[in-house]
């Protein structure tokens, strides 16, 4: 019993480390799927915002940075307002984009 608990703890820790999102990989996926509207650095593309007649939030802003991973995942996969769902992003790529967005924090 004494060796089971430490072994299980190490196993759980290694699984959580292995599944950690990668902001660097997320930046590459973000560049393909998000940059057109949200800009390379998370600052909205003013031409797209004007064309769509919508305010695109700065991804570095406190209100976006306060969103949980689950909230961001929901927005990306289901869309929000005039933003359509991003069907080309799923799985680890989705987690990596979320990590990248959080890395933009001001």
PDB file of N, CA and C in Angstrom:
ATOM      1  N   UNK A   1       0.819  -1.188   0.000  1.00  0.00           N
ATOM      2  CA  UNK A   1       0.000   0.000   0.000  1.00  0.00           C
ATOM      3  C   UNK A   1       0.869   1.260   0.000  1.00  0.00           C
ATOM      4  N   UNK A   2       1.998   1.200   0.690  1.00  0.00           N
ATOM      5  CA  UNK A   2       2.873   2.370   0.757  1.00  0.00           C
ATOM      6  C   UNK A   2       3.467   2.718  -0.601  1.00  0.00           C
ATOM      7  N   UNK A   3       3.685   1.763  -1.447  1.00  0.00           N
ATOM      8  CA  UNK A   3       4.270   2.051  -2.758  1.00  0.00           C
ATOM      9  C   UNK A   3       3.204   2.372  -3.812  1.00  0.00           C
ATOM     10  N   UNK A   4       1.976   2.005  -3.545  1.00  0.00           N
ATOM     11  CA  UNK A   4       0.910   2.268  -4.513  1.00  0.00           C
ATOM     12  C   UNK A   4       0.615   3.759  -4.610  1.00  0.00           C
ATOM     13  N   UNK A   5       0.468   4.437  -3.484  1.00  0.00           N
ATOM     14  CA  UNK A   5       0.129   5.860  -3.505  1.00  0.00           C
ATOM     15  C   UNK A   5       1.192   6.703  -4.215  1.00  0.00           C
ATOM     16  N   UNK A   6       2.473   6.568  -3.863  1.00  0.00           N
ATOM     17  CA  UNK A   6       3.479   7.356  -4.593  1.00  0.00           C
ATOM     18  C   UNK A   6       3.526   7.023  -6.086  1.00  0.00           C
ATOM     19  N   UNK A   7       3.326   5.765  -6.419  1.00  0.00           N
ATOM     20  CA  UNK A   7       3.338   5.371  -7.829  1.00  0.00           C
ATOM     21  C   UNK A   7       2.163   6.002  -8.565  1.00  0.00           C
ATOM     22  N   UNK A   8       0.982   5.966  -7.973  1.00  0.00           N
ATOM     23  CA  UNK A   8      -0.187   6.591  -8.590  1.00  0.00           C
ATOM     24  C   UNK A   8      -0.013   8.097  -8.693  1.00  0.00           C
ATOM     25  N   UNK A   9       0.569   8.710  -7.693  1.00  0.00           N
ATOM     26  CA  UNK A   9       0.806  10.157  -7.723  1.00  0.00           C
ATOM     27  C   UNK A   9       1.740  10.531  -8.865  1.00  0.00           C
ATOM     28  N   UNK A  10       2.810   9.768  -9.027  1.00  0.00           N
ATOM     29  CA  UNK A  10       3.756  10.035 -10.121  1.00  0.00           C
ATOM     30  C   UNK A  10       3.101   9.814 -11.474  1.00  0.00           C
ATOM     31  N   UNK A  11       2.282   8.801 -11.584  1.00  0.00           N
ATOM     32  CA  UNK A  11       1.588   8.531 -12.833  1.00  0.00           C
ATOM     33  C   UNK A  11       0.664   9.690 -13.196  1.00  0.00           C
ATOM     34  N   UNK A  12      -0.115  10.164 -12.232  1.00  0.00           N
ATOM     35  CA  UNK A  12      -1.021  11.292 -12.475  1.00  0.00           C
ATOM     36  C   UNK A  12      -0.246  12.548 -12.851  1.00  0.00           C
ATOM     37  N   UNK A  13       0.850  12.796 -12.184  1.00  0.00           N
ATOM     38  CA  UNK A  13       1.679  13.956 -12.485  1.00  0.00           C
ATOM     39  C   UNK A  13       2.248  13.866 -13.890  1.00  0.00           C
ATOM     40  N   UNK A  14       2.727  12.702 -14.279  1.00  0.00           N
ATOM     41  CA  UNK A  14       3.305  12.565 -15.617  1.00  0.00           C
ATOM     42  C   UNK A  14       2.242  12.707 -16.697  1.00  0.00           C
ATOM     43  N   UNK A  15       1.027  12.263 -16.436  1.00  0.00           N
ATOM     44  CA  UNK A  15      -0.064  12.429 -17.402  1.00  0.00           C
ATOM     45  C   UNK A  15      -0.414  13.899 -17.552  1.00  0.00           C
ATOM     46  N   UNK A  16      -0.482  14.635 -16.454  1.00  0.00           N
ATOM     47  CA  UNK A  16      -0.826  16.053 -16.545  1.00  0.00           C
ATOM     48  C   UNK A  16       0.279  16.850 -17.237  1.00  0.00           C
ATOM     49  N   UNK A  17       1.526  16.504 -17.026  1.00  0.00           N
ATOM     50  CA  UNK A  17       2.628  17.186 -17.699  1.00  0.00           C
ATOM     51  C   UNK A  17       2.609  16.861 -19.185  1.00  0.00           C
ATOM     52  N   UNK A  18       2.349  15.608 -19.516  1.00  0.00           N
ATOM     53  CA  UNK A  18       2.331  15.191 -20.921  1.00  0.00           C
ATOM     54  C   UNK A  18       1.189  15.849 -21.682  1.00  0.00           C
ATOM     55  N   UNK A  19       0.092  16.159 -21.001  1.00  0.00           N
ATOM     56  CA  UNK A  19      -1.051  16.744 -21.680  1.00  0.00           C
ATOM     57  C   UNK A  19      -1.078  18.266 -21.607  1.00  0.00           C
ATOM     58  N   UNK A  20      -0.043  18.873 -21.052  1.00  0.00           N
ATOM     59  CA  UNK A  20       0.010  20.324 -20.947  1.00  0.00           C
ATOM     60  C   UNK A  20       0.048  20.948 -22.335  1.00  0.00           C
ATOM     61  N   UNK A  21      -0.687  22.032 -22.489  1.00  0.00           N
ATOM     62  CA  UNK A  21      -0.757  22.715 -23.768  1.00  0.00           C
ATOM     63  C   UNK A  21       0.563  23.431 -24.057  1.00  0.00           C
ATOM     64  N   UNK A  22       0.850  23.596 -25.329  1.00  0.00           N
ATOM     65  CA  UNK A  22       2.103  24.188 -25.799  1.00  0.00           C
ATOM     66  C   UNK A  22       1.803  25.509 -26.513  1.00  0.00           C
ATOM     67  N   UNK A  23       2.112  26.627 -25.847  1.00  0.00           N
ATOM     68  CA  UNK A  23       1.839  27.944 -26.419  1.00  0.00           C
ATOM     69  C   UNK A  23       2.629  28.196 -27.703  1.00  0.00           C
ATOM     70  N   UNK A  24       3.826  27.655 -27.806  1.00  0.00           N
ATOM     71  CA  UNK A  24       4.628  27.837 -29.019  1.00  0.00           C
ATOM     72  C   UNK A  24       3.962  27.150 -30.206  1.00  0.00           C
ATOM     73  N   UNK A  25       3.505  25.926 -30.007  1.00  0.00           N
ATOM     74  CA  UNK A  25       2.772  25.227 -31.062  1.00  0.00           C
ATOM     75  C   UNK A  25       1.455  25.948 -31.336  1.00  0.00           C
ATOM     76  N   UNK A  26       0.848  26.488 -30.299  1.00  0.00           N
ATOM     77  CA  UNK A  26      -0.395  27.231 -30.455  1.00  0.00           C
ATOM     78  C   UNK A  26      -0.232  28.464 -31.306  1.00  0.00           C
ATOM     79  N   UNK A  27       0.931  29.101 -31.227  1.00  0.00           N
ATOM     80  CA  UNK A  27       1.186  30.298 -32.032  1.00  0.00           C
ATOM     81  C   UNK A  27       1.142  29.965 -33.521  1.00  0.00           C
ATOM     82  N   UNK A  28       1.705  28.830 -33.898  1.00  0.00           N
ATOM     83  CA  UNK A  28       1.701  28.423 -35.306  1.00  0.00           C
ATOM     84  C   UNK A  28       0.279  28.130 -35.788  1.00  0.00           C
ATOM     85  N   UNK A  29      -0.500  27.439 -34.980  1.00  0.00           N
ATOM     86  CA  UNK A  29      -1.876  27.130 -35.348  1.00  0.00           C
ATOM     87  C   UNK A  29      -2.721  28.402 -35.366  1.00  0.00           C
ATOM     88  N   UNK A  30      -2.498  29.282 -34.401  1.00  0.00           N
ATOM     89  CA  UNK A  30      -3.181  30.575 -34.335  1.00  0.00           C
ATOM     90  C   UNK A  30      -2.919  31.371 -35.618  1.00  0.00           C
ATOM     91  N   UNK A  31      -1.670  31.352 -36.086  1.00  0.00           N
ATOM     92  CA  UNK A  31      -1.308  32.091 -37.301  1.00  0.00           C
ATOM     93  C   UNK A  31      -2.123  31.606 -38.502  1.00  0.00           C
ATOM     94  N   UNK A  32      -2.430  30.331 -38.536  1.00  0.00           N
ATOM     95  CA  UNK A  32      -3.200  29.771 -39.654  1.00  0.00           C
ATOM     96  C   UNK A  32      -4.704  30.016 -39.514  1.00  0.00           C
ATOM     97  N   UNK A  33      -5.216  29.901 -38.286  1.00  0.00           N
ATOM     98  CA  UNK A  33      -6.668  29.881 -38.097  1.00  0.00           C
ATOM     99  C   UNK A  33      -7.269  31.171 -37.537  1.00  0.00           C
ATOM    100  N   UNK A  34      -6.460  32.029 -36.905  1.00  0.00           N
ATOM    101  CA  UNK A  34      -7.024  33.153 -36.155  1.00  0.00           C
ATOM    102  C   UNK A  34      -6.472  34.521 -36.553  1.00  0.00           C
ATOM    103  N   UNK A  35      -5.264  34.537 -37.080  1.00  0.00           N
ATOM    104  CA  UNK A  35      -4.535  35.788 -37.311  1.00  0.00           C
ATOM    105  C   UNK A  35      -5.255  36.752 -38.243  1.00  0.00           C
ATOM    106  N   UNK A  36      -5.976  36.245 -39.219  1.00  0.00           N
ATOM    107  CA  UNK A  36      -6.643  37.126 -40.171  1.00  0.00           C
ATOM    108  C   UNK A  36      -7.539  38.134 -39.469  1.00  0.00           C
ATOM    109  N   UNK A  37      -8.307  37.690 -38.506  1.00  0.00           N
ATOM    110  CA  UNK A  37      -9.222  38.582 -37.790  1.00  0.00           C
ATOM    111  C   UNK A  37      -8.605  39.176 -36.526  1.00  0.00           C
ATOM    112  N   UNK A  38      -7.847  38.349 -35.802  1.00  0.00           N
ATOM    113  CA  UNK A  38      -7.360  38.763 -34.485  1.00  0.00           C
ATOM    114  C   UNK A  38      -5.946  39.327 -34.499  1.00  0.00           C
ATOM    115  N   UNK A  39      -5.302  39.374 -35.653  1.00  0.00           N
ATOM    116  CA  UNK A  39      -3.959  39.941 -35.756  1.00  0.00           C
ATOM    117  C   UNK A  39      -2.906  39.028 -35.173  1.00  0.00           C
ATOM    118  N   UNK A  40      -1.679  39.216 -35.603  1.00  0.00           N
ATOM    119  CA  UNK A  40      -0.567  38.359 -35.178  1.00  0.00           C
ATOM    120  C   UNK A  40      -0.332  38.417 -33.674  1.00  0.00           C
ATOM    121  N   UNK A  41      -0.568  39.575 -33.080  1.00  0.00           N
ATOM    122  CA  UNK A  41      -0.287  39.742 -31.645  1.00  0.00           C
ATOM    123  C   UNK A  41      -1.547  39.798 -30.790  1.00  0.00           C
ATOM    124  N   UNK A  42      -2.692  39.441 -31.371  1.00  0.00           N
ATOM    125  CA  UNK A  42      -3.940  39.455 -30.619  1.00  0.00           C
ATOM    126  C   UNK A  42      -4.719  40.746 -30.726  1.00  0.00           C
ATOM    127  N   UNK A  43      -4.147  41.730 -31.429  1.00  0.00           N
ATOM    128  CA  UNK A  43      -4.829  43.002 -31.642  1.00  0.00           C
ATOM    129  C   UNK A  43      -5.702  42.868 -32.880  1.00  0.00           C
ATOM    130  N   UNK A  44      -6.959  43.215 -32.756  1.00  0.00           N
ATOM    131  CA  UNK A  44      -7.917  43.027 -33.845  1.00  0.00           C
ATOM    132  C   UNK A  44      -7.484  43.696 -35.140  1.00  0.00           C
ATOM    133  N   UNK A  45      -7.819  43.051 -36.249  1.00  0.00           N
ATOM    134  CA  UNK A  45      -7.597  43.603 -37.575  1.00  0.00           C
ATOM    135  C   UNK A  45      -8.701  44.639 -37.816  1.00  0.00           C
ATOM    136  N   UNK A  46      -8.358  45.937 -37.890  1.00  0.00           N
ATOM    137  CA  UNK A  46      -9.399  46.966 -38.003  1.00  0.00           C
ATOM    138  C   UNK A  46     -10.208  46.861 -39.300  1.00  0.00           C
ATOM    139  N   UNK A  47      -9.600  46.409 -40.370  1.00  0.00           N
ATOM    140  CA  UNK A  47     -10.331  46.276 -41.639  1.00  0.00           C
ATOM    141  C   UNK A  47     -11.423  45.211 -41.528  1.00  0.00           C
ATOM    142  N   UNK A  48     -11.103  44.100 -40.891  1.00  0.00           N
ATOM    143  CA  UNK A  48     -12.087  43.028 -40.703  1.00  0.00           C
ATOM    144  C   UNK A  48     -13.197  43.506 -39.767  1.00  0.00           C
ATOM    145  N   UNK A  49     -12.823  44.173 -38.688  1.00  0.00           N
ATOM    146  CA  UNK A  49     -13.813  44.676 -37.735  1.00  0.00           C
ATOM    147  C   UNK A  49     -14.763  45.657 -38.420  1.00  0.00           C
ATOM    148  N   UNK A  50     -14.224  46.536 -39.253  1.00  0.00           N
ATOM    149  CA  UNK A  50     -15.052  47.512 -39.965  1.00  0.00           C
ATOM    150  C   UNK A  50     -15.963  46.807 -40.966  1.00  0.00           C
ATOM    151  N   UNK A  51     -15.407  45.861 -41.722  1.00  0.00           N
ATOM    152  CA  UNK A  51     -16.181  45.145 -42.723  1.00  0.00           C
ATOM    153  C   UNK A  51     -17.352  44.387 -42.082  1.00  0.00           C
ATOM    154  N   UNK A  52     -17.101  43.781 -40.917  1.00  0.00           N
ATOM    155  CA  UNK A  52     -18.134  43.000 -40.238  1.00  0.00           C
ATOM    156  C   UNK A  52     -19.008  43.865 -39.332  1.00  0.00           C
ATOM    157  N   UNK A  53     -18.633  45.148 -39.207  1.00  0.00           N
ATOM    158  CA  UNK A  53     -19.348  46.078 -38.341  1.00  0.00           C
ATOM    159  C   UNK A  53     -19.475  45.517 -36.921  1.00  0.00           C
ATOM    160  N   UNK A  54     -18.302  45.152 -36.381  1.00  0.00           N
ATOM    161  CA  UNK A  54     -18.261  44.548 -35.055  1.00  0.00           C
ATOM    162  C   UNK A  54     -16.977  44.974 -34.351  1.00  0.00           C
ATOM    163  N   UNK A  55     -17.023  44.983 -33.026  1.00  0.00           N
ATOM    164  CA  UNK A  55     -15.814  45.233 -32.241  1.00  0.00           C
ATOM    165  C   UNK A  55     -15.163  43.879 -31.963  1.00  0.00           C
ATOM    166  N   UNK A  56     -13.927  43.729 -32.387  1.00  0.00           N
ATOM    167  CA  UNK A  56     -13.177  42.511 -32.098  1.00  0.00           C
ATOM    168  C   UNK A  56     -12.276  42.832 -30.917  1.00  0.00           C
ATOM    169  N   UNK A  57     -12.447  42.111 -29.841  1.00  0.00           N
ATOM    170  CA  UNK A  57     -11.682  42.391 -28.619  1.00  0.00           C
ATOM    171  C   UNK A  57     -10.203  42.077 -28.799  1.00  0.00           C
ATOM    172  N   UNK A  58      -9.392  42.893 -28.170  1.00  0.00           N
ATOM    173  CA  UNK A  58      -7.950  42.646 -28.104  1.00  0.00           C
ATOM    174  C   UNK A  58      -7.752  41.420 -27.214  1.00  0.00           C
ATOM    175  N   UNK A  59      -7.105  40.403 -27.731  1.00  0.00           N
ATOM    176  CA  UNK A  59      -6.931  39.169 -26.970  1.00  0.00           C
ATOM    177  C   UNK A  59      -6.007  39.342 -25.769  1.00  0.00           C
ATOM    178  N   UNK A  60      -5.284  40.451 -25.714  1.00  0.00           N
ATOM    179  CA  UNK A  60      -4.429  40.737 -24.566  1.00  0.00           C
ATOM    180  C   UNK A  60      -5.192  41.434 -23.445  1.00  0.00           C
ATOM    181  N   UNK A  61      -6.418  41.858 -23.724  1.00  0.00           N
ATOM    182  CA  UNK A  61      -7.192  42.645 -22.766  1.00  0.00           C
ATOM    183  C   UNK A  61      -7.542  41.822 -21.521  1.00  0.00           C
ATOM    184  N   UNK A  62      -7.717  42.515 -20.394  1.00  0.00           N
ATOM    185  CA  UNK A  62      -8.072  41.813 -19.152  1.00  0.00           C
ATOM    186  C   UNK A  62      -9.357  40.992 -19.268  1.00  0.00           C
ATOM    187  N   UNK A  63     -10.358  41.508 -20.002  1.00  0.00           N
ATOM    188  CA  UNK A  63     -11.615  40.763 -20.097  1.00  0.00           C
ATOM    189  C   UNK A  63     -11.455  39.452 -20.856  1.00  0.00           C
ATOM    190  N   UNK A  64     -10.599  39.417 -21.851  1.00  0.00           N
ATOM    191  CA  UNK A  64     -10.342  38.160 -22.563  1.00  0.00           C
ATOM    192  C   UNK A  64      -9.441  37.262 -21.721  1.00  0.00           C
ATOM    193  N   UNK A  65      -8.432  37.823 -21.105  1.00  0.00           N
ATOM    194  CA  UNK A  65      -7.498  37.036 -20.310  1.00  0.00           C
ATOM    195  C   UNK A  65      -8.158  36.415 -19.077  1.00  0.00           C
ATOM    196  N   UNK A  66      -9.254  37.020 -18.604  1.00  0.00           N
ATOM    197  CA  UNK A  66      -9.993  36.461 -17.464  1.00  0.00           C
ATOM    198  C   UNK A  66     -10.802  35.231 -17.839  1.00  0.00           C
ATOM    199  N   UNK A  67     -11.048  35.032 -19.134  1.00  0.00           N
ATOM    200  CA  UNK A  67     -11.836  33.876 -19.560  1.00  0.00           C
ATOM    201  C   UNK A  67     -11.096  32.586 -19.246  1.00  0.00           C
ATOM    202  N   UNK A  68     -11.841  31.605 -18.806  1.00  0.00           N
ATOM    203  CA  UNK A  68     -11.236  30.299 -18.511  1.00  0.00           C
ATOM    204  C   UNK A  68     -10.915  29.581 -19.813  1.00  0.00           C
ATOM    205  N   UNK A  69     -10.119  28.528 -19.701  1.00  0.00           N
ATOM    206  CA  UNK A  69      -9.833  27.695 -20.868  1.00  0.00           C
ATOM    207  C   UNK A  69     -11.123  27.150 -21.462  1.00  0.00           C
ATOM    208  N   UNK A  70     -12.044  26.739 -20.600  1.00  0.00           N
ATOM    209  CA  UNK A  70     -13.326  26.201 -21.069  1.00  0.00           C
ATOM    210  C   UNK A  70     -14.128  27.263 -21.818  1.00  0.00           C
ATOM    211  N   UNK A  71     -14.104  28.505 -21.320  1.00  0.00           N
ATOM    212  CA  UNK A  71     -14.815  29.596 -21.999  1.00  0.00           C
ATOM    213  C   UNK A  71     -14.219  29.847 -23.383  1.00  0.00           C
ATOM    214  N   UNK A  72     -12.896  29.915 -23.460  1.00  0.00           N
ATOM    215  CA  UNK A  72     -12.240  30.138 -24.749  1.00  0.00           C
ATOM    216  C   UNK A  72     -12.508  28.981 -25.706  1.00  0.00           C
ATOM    217  N   UNK A  73     -12.478  27.778 -25.181  1.00  0.00           N
ATOM    218  CA  UNK A  73     -12.751  26.601 -26.007  1.00  0.00           C
ATOM    219  C   UNK A  73     -14.164  26.685 -26.587  1.00  0.00           C
ATOM    220  N   UNK A  74     -15.116  27.084 -25.768  1.00  0.00           N
ATOM    221  CA  UNK A  74     -16.504  27.223 -26.212  1.00  0.00           C
ATOM    222  C   UNK A  74     -16.621  28.283 -27.313  1.00  0.00           C
ATOM    223  N   UNK A  75     -15.964  29.404 -27.141  1.00  0.00           N
ATOM    224  CA  UNK A  75     -16.019  30.479 -28.130  1.00  0.00           C
ATOM    225  C   UNK A  75     -15.404  30.018 -29.451  1.00  0.00           C
ATOM    226  N   UNK A  76     -14.266  29.354 -29.379  1.00  0.00           N
ATOM    227  CA  UNK A  76     -13.584  28.910 -30.600  1.00  0.00           C
ATOM    228  C   UNK A  76     -14.397  27.834 -31.317  1.00  0.00           C
ATOM    229  N   UNK A  77     -14.933  26.891 -30.579  1.00  0.00           N
ATOM    230  CA  UNK A  77     -15.613  25.760 -31.214  1.00  0.00           C
ATOM    231  C   UNK A  77     -17.071  26.048 -31.580  1.00  0.00           C
ATOM    232  N   UNK A  78     -17.729  26.957 -30.855  1.00  0.00           N
ATOM    233  CA  UNK A  78     -19.144  27.238 -31.119  1.00  0.00           C
ATOM    234  C   UNK A  78     -19.370  28.612 -31.742  1.00  0.00           C
ATOM    235  N   UNK A  79     -18.347  29.474 -31.673  1.00  0.00           N
ATOM    236  CA  UNK A  79     -18.506  30.834 -32.167  1.00  0.00           C
ATOM    237  C   UNK A  79     -19.146  31.717 -31.111  1.00  0.00           C
ATOM    238  N   UNK A  80     -19.167  33.012 -31.411  1.00  0.00           N
ATOM    239  CA  UNK A  80     -19.791  33.968 -30.498  1.00  0.00           C
ATOM    240  C   UNK A  80     -20.104  35.222 -31.297  1.00  0.00           C
ATOM    241  N   UNK A  81     -21.340  35.667 -31.231  1.00  0.00           N
ATOM    242  CA  UNK A  81     -21.737  36.827 -32.024  1.00  0.00           C
ATOM    243  C   UNK A  81     -21.524  36.545 -33.505  1.00  0.00           C
ATOM    244  N   UNK A  82     -20.806  37.429 -34.185  1.00  0.00           N
ATOM    245  CA  UNK A  82     -20.550  37.235 -35.610  1.00  0.00           C
ATOM    246  C   UNK A  82     -19.366  36.309 -35.876  1.00  0.00           C
ATOM    247  N   UNK A  83     -18.656  35.931 -34.820  1.00  0.00           N
ATOM    248  CA  UNK A  83     -17.545  34.995 -34.998  1.00  0.00           C
ATOM    249  C   UNK A  83     -18.102  33.600 -35.208  1.00  0.00           C
ATOM    250  N   UNK A  84     -17.743  33.013 -36.312  1.00  0.00           N
ATOM    251  CA  UNK A  84     -18.187  31.648 -36.606  1.00  0.00           C
ATOM    252  C   UNK A  84     -17.295  30.641 -35.889  1.00  0.00           C
ATOM    253  N   UNK A  85     -17.812  29.442 -35.673  1.00  0.00           N
ATOM    254  CA  UNK A  85     -16.969  28.388 -35.088  1.00  0.00           C
ATOM    255  C   UNK A  85     -15.762  28.112 -35.989  1.00  0.00           C
ATOM    256  N   UNK A  86     -14.653  27.783 -35.367  1.00  0.00           N
ATOM    257  CA  UNK A  86     -13.435  27.464 -36.116  1.00  0.00           C
ATOM    258  C   UNK A  86     -13.334  25.939 -36.176  1.00  0.00           C
ATOM    259  N   UNK A  87     -13.916  25.372 -37.215  1.00  0.00           N
ATOM    260  CA  UNK A  87     -13.999  23.912 -37.347  1.00  0.00           C
ATOM    261  C   UNK A  87     -12.644  23.276 -37.639  1.00  0.00           C
ATOM    262  N   UNK A  88     -11.713  24.056 -38.145  1.00  0.00           N
ATOM    263  CA  UNK A  88     -10.407  23.494 -38.508  1.00  0.00           C
ATOM    264  C   UNK A  88      -9.499  23.262 -37.310  1.00  0.00           C
ATOM    265  N   UNK A  89      -9.934  23.671 -36.125  1.00  0.00           N
ATOM    266  CA  UNK A  89      -9.104  23.533 -34.927  1.00  0.00           C
ATOM    267  C   UNK A  89      -9.807  22.634 -33.918  1.00  0.00           C
ATOM    268  N   UNK A  90      -9.096  21.604 -33.467  1.00  0.00           N
ATOM    269  CA  UNK A  90      -9.654  20.711 -32.461  1.00  0.00           C
ATOM    270  C   UNK A  90      -8.522  20.023 -31.699  1.00  0.00           C
ATOM    271  N   UNK A  91      -8.887  19.269 -30.689  1.00  0.00           N
ATOM    272  CA  UNK A  91      -7.925  18.477 -29.935  1.00  0.00           C
ATOM    273  C   UNK A  91      -6.785  19.288 -29.345  1.00  0.00           C
ATOM    274  N   UNK A  92      -5.573  18.778 -29.511  1.00  0.00           N
ATOM    275  CA  UNK A  92      -4.390  19.428 -28.948  1.00  0.00           C
ATOM    276  C   UNK A  92      -4.170  20.806 -29.556  1.00  0.00           C
ATOM    277  N   UNK A  93      -4.503  20.972 -30.839  1.00  0.00           N
ATOM    278  CA  UNK A  93      -4.346  22.293 -31.468  1.00  0.00           C
ATOM    279  C   UNK A  93      -5.205  23.337 -30.761  1.00  0.00           C
ATOM    280  N   UNK A  94      -6.400  22.958 -30.372  1.00  0.00           N
ATOM    281  CA  UNK A  94      -7.296  23.863 -29.663  1.00  0.00           C
ATOM    282  C   UNK A  94      -6.700  24.248 -28.310  1.00  0.00           C
ATOM    283  N   UNK A  95      -6.212  23.270 -27.580  1.00  0.00           N
ATOM    284  CA  UNK A  95      -5.577  23.544 -26.285  1.00  0.00           C
ATOM    285  C   UNK A  95      -4.337  24.421 -26.456  1.00  0.00           C
ATOM    286  N   UNK A  96      -3.577  24.181 -27.517  1.00  0.00           N
ATOM    287  CA  UNK A  96      -2.368  24.970 -27.767  1.00  0.00           C
ATOM    288  C   UNK A  96      -2.705  26.423 -28.109  1.00  0.00           C
ATOM    289  N   UNK A  97      -3.765  26.634 -28.891  1.00  0.00           N
ATOM    290  CA  UNK A  97      -4.183  28.011 -29.197  1.00  0.00           C
ATOM    291  C   UNK A  97      -4.591  28.725 -27.920  1.00  0.00           C
ATOM    292  N   UNK A  98      -5.329  28.050 -27.067  1.00  0.00           N
ATOM    293  CA  UNK A  98      -5.758  28.657 -25.806  1.00  0.00           C
ATOM    294  C   UNK A  98      -4.543  29.022 -24.956  1.00  0.00           C
ATOM    295  N   UNK A  99      -3.547  28.152 -24.901  1.00  0.00           N
ATOM    296  CA  UNK A  99      -2.318  28.457 -24.170  1.00  0.00           C
ATOM    297  C   UNK A  99      -1.631  29.679 -24.782  1.00  0.00           C
ATOM    298  N   UNK A 100      -1.625  29.763 -26.109  1.00  0.00           N
ATOM    299  CA  UNK A 100      -1.005  30.918 -26.779  1.00  0.00           C
ATOM    300  C   UNK A 100      -1.765  32.194 -26.442  1.00  0.00           C
ATOM    301  N   UNK A 101      -3.084  32.155 -26.497  1.00  0.00           N
ATOM    302  CA  UNK A 101      -3.887  33.346 -26.176  1.00  0.00           C
ATOM    303  C   UNK A 101      -3.587  33.796 -24.757  1.00  0.00           C
ATOM    304  N   UNK A 102      -3.509  32.872 -23.814  1.00  0.00           N
ATOM    305  CA  UNK A 102      -3.181  33.254 -22.431  1.00  0.00           C
ATOM    306  C   UNK A 102      -1.751  33.790 -22.315  1.00  0.00           C
ATOM    307  N   UNK A 103      -0.865  33.383 -23.200  1.00  0.00           N
ATOM    308  CA  UNK A 103       0.517  33.890 -23.169  1.00  0.00           C
ATOM    309  C   UNK A 103       0.611  35.338 -23.631  1.00  0.00           C
ATOM    310  N   UNK A 104      -0.447  35.843 -24.262  1.00  0.00           N
ATOM    311  CA  UNK A 104      -0.459  37.220 -24.757  1.00  0.00           C
ATOM    312  C   UNK A 104      -0.748  38.240 -23.671  1.00  0.00           C
ATOM    313  N   UNK A 105      -1.056  37.777 -22.479  1.00  0.00           N
ATOM    314  CA  UNK A 105      -1.446  38.646 -21.373  1.00  0.00           C
ATOM    315  C   UNK A 105      -0.544  39.870 -21.268  1.00  0.00           C
ATOM    316  N   UNK A 106      -1.169  41.026 -21.137  1.00  0.00           N
ATOM    317  CA  UNK A 106      -0.425  42.295 -21.024  1.00  0.00           C
ATOM    318  C   UNK A 106       0.364  42.350 -19.744  1.00  0.00           C
TER     319      UNK A 106
END
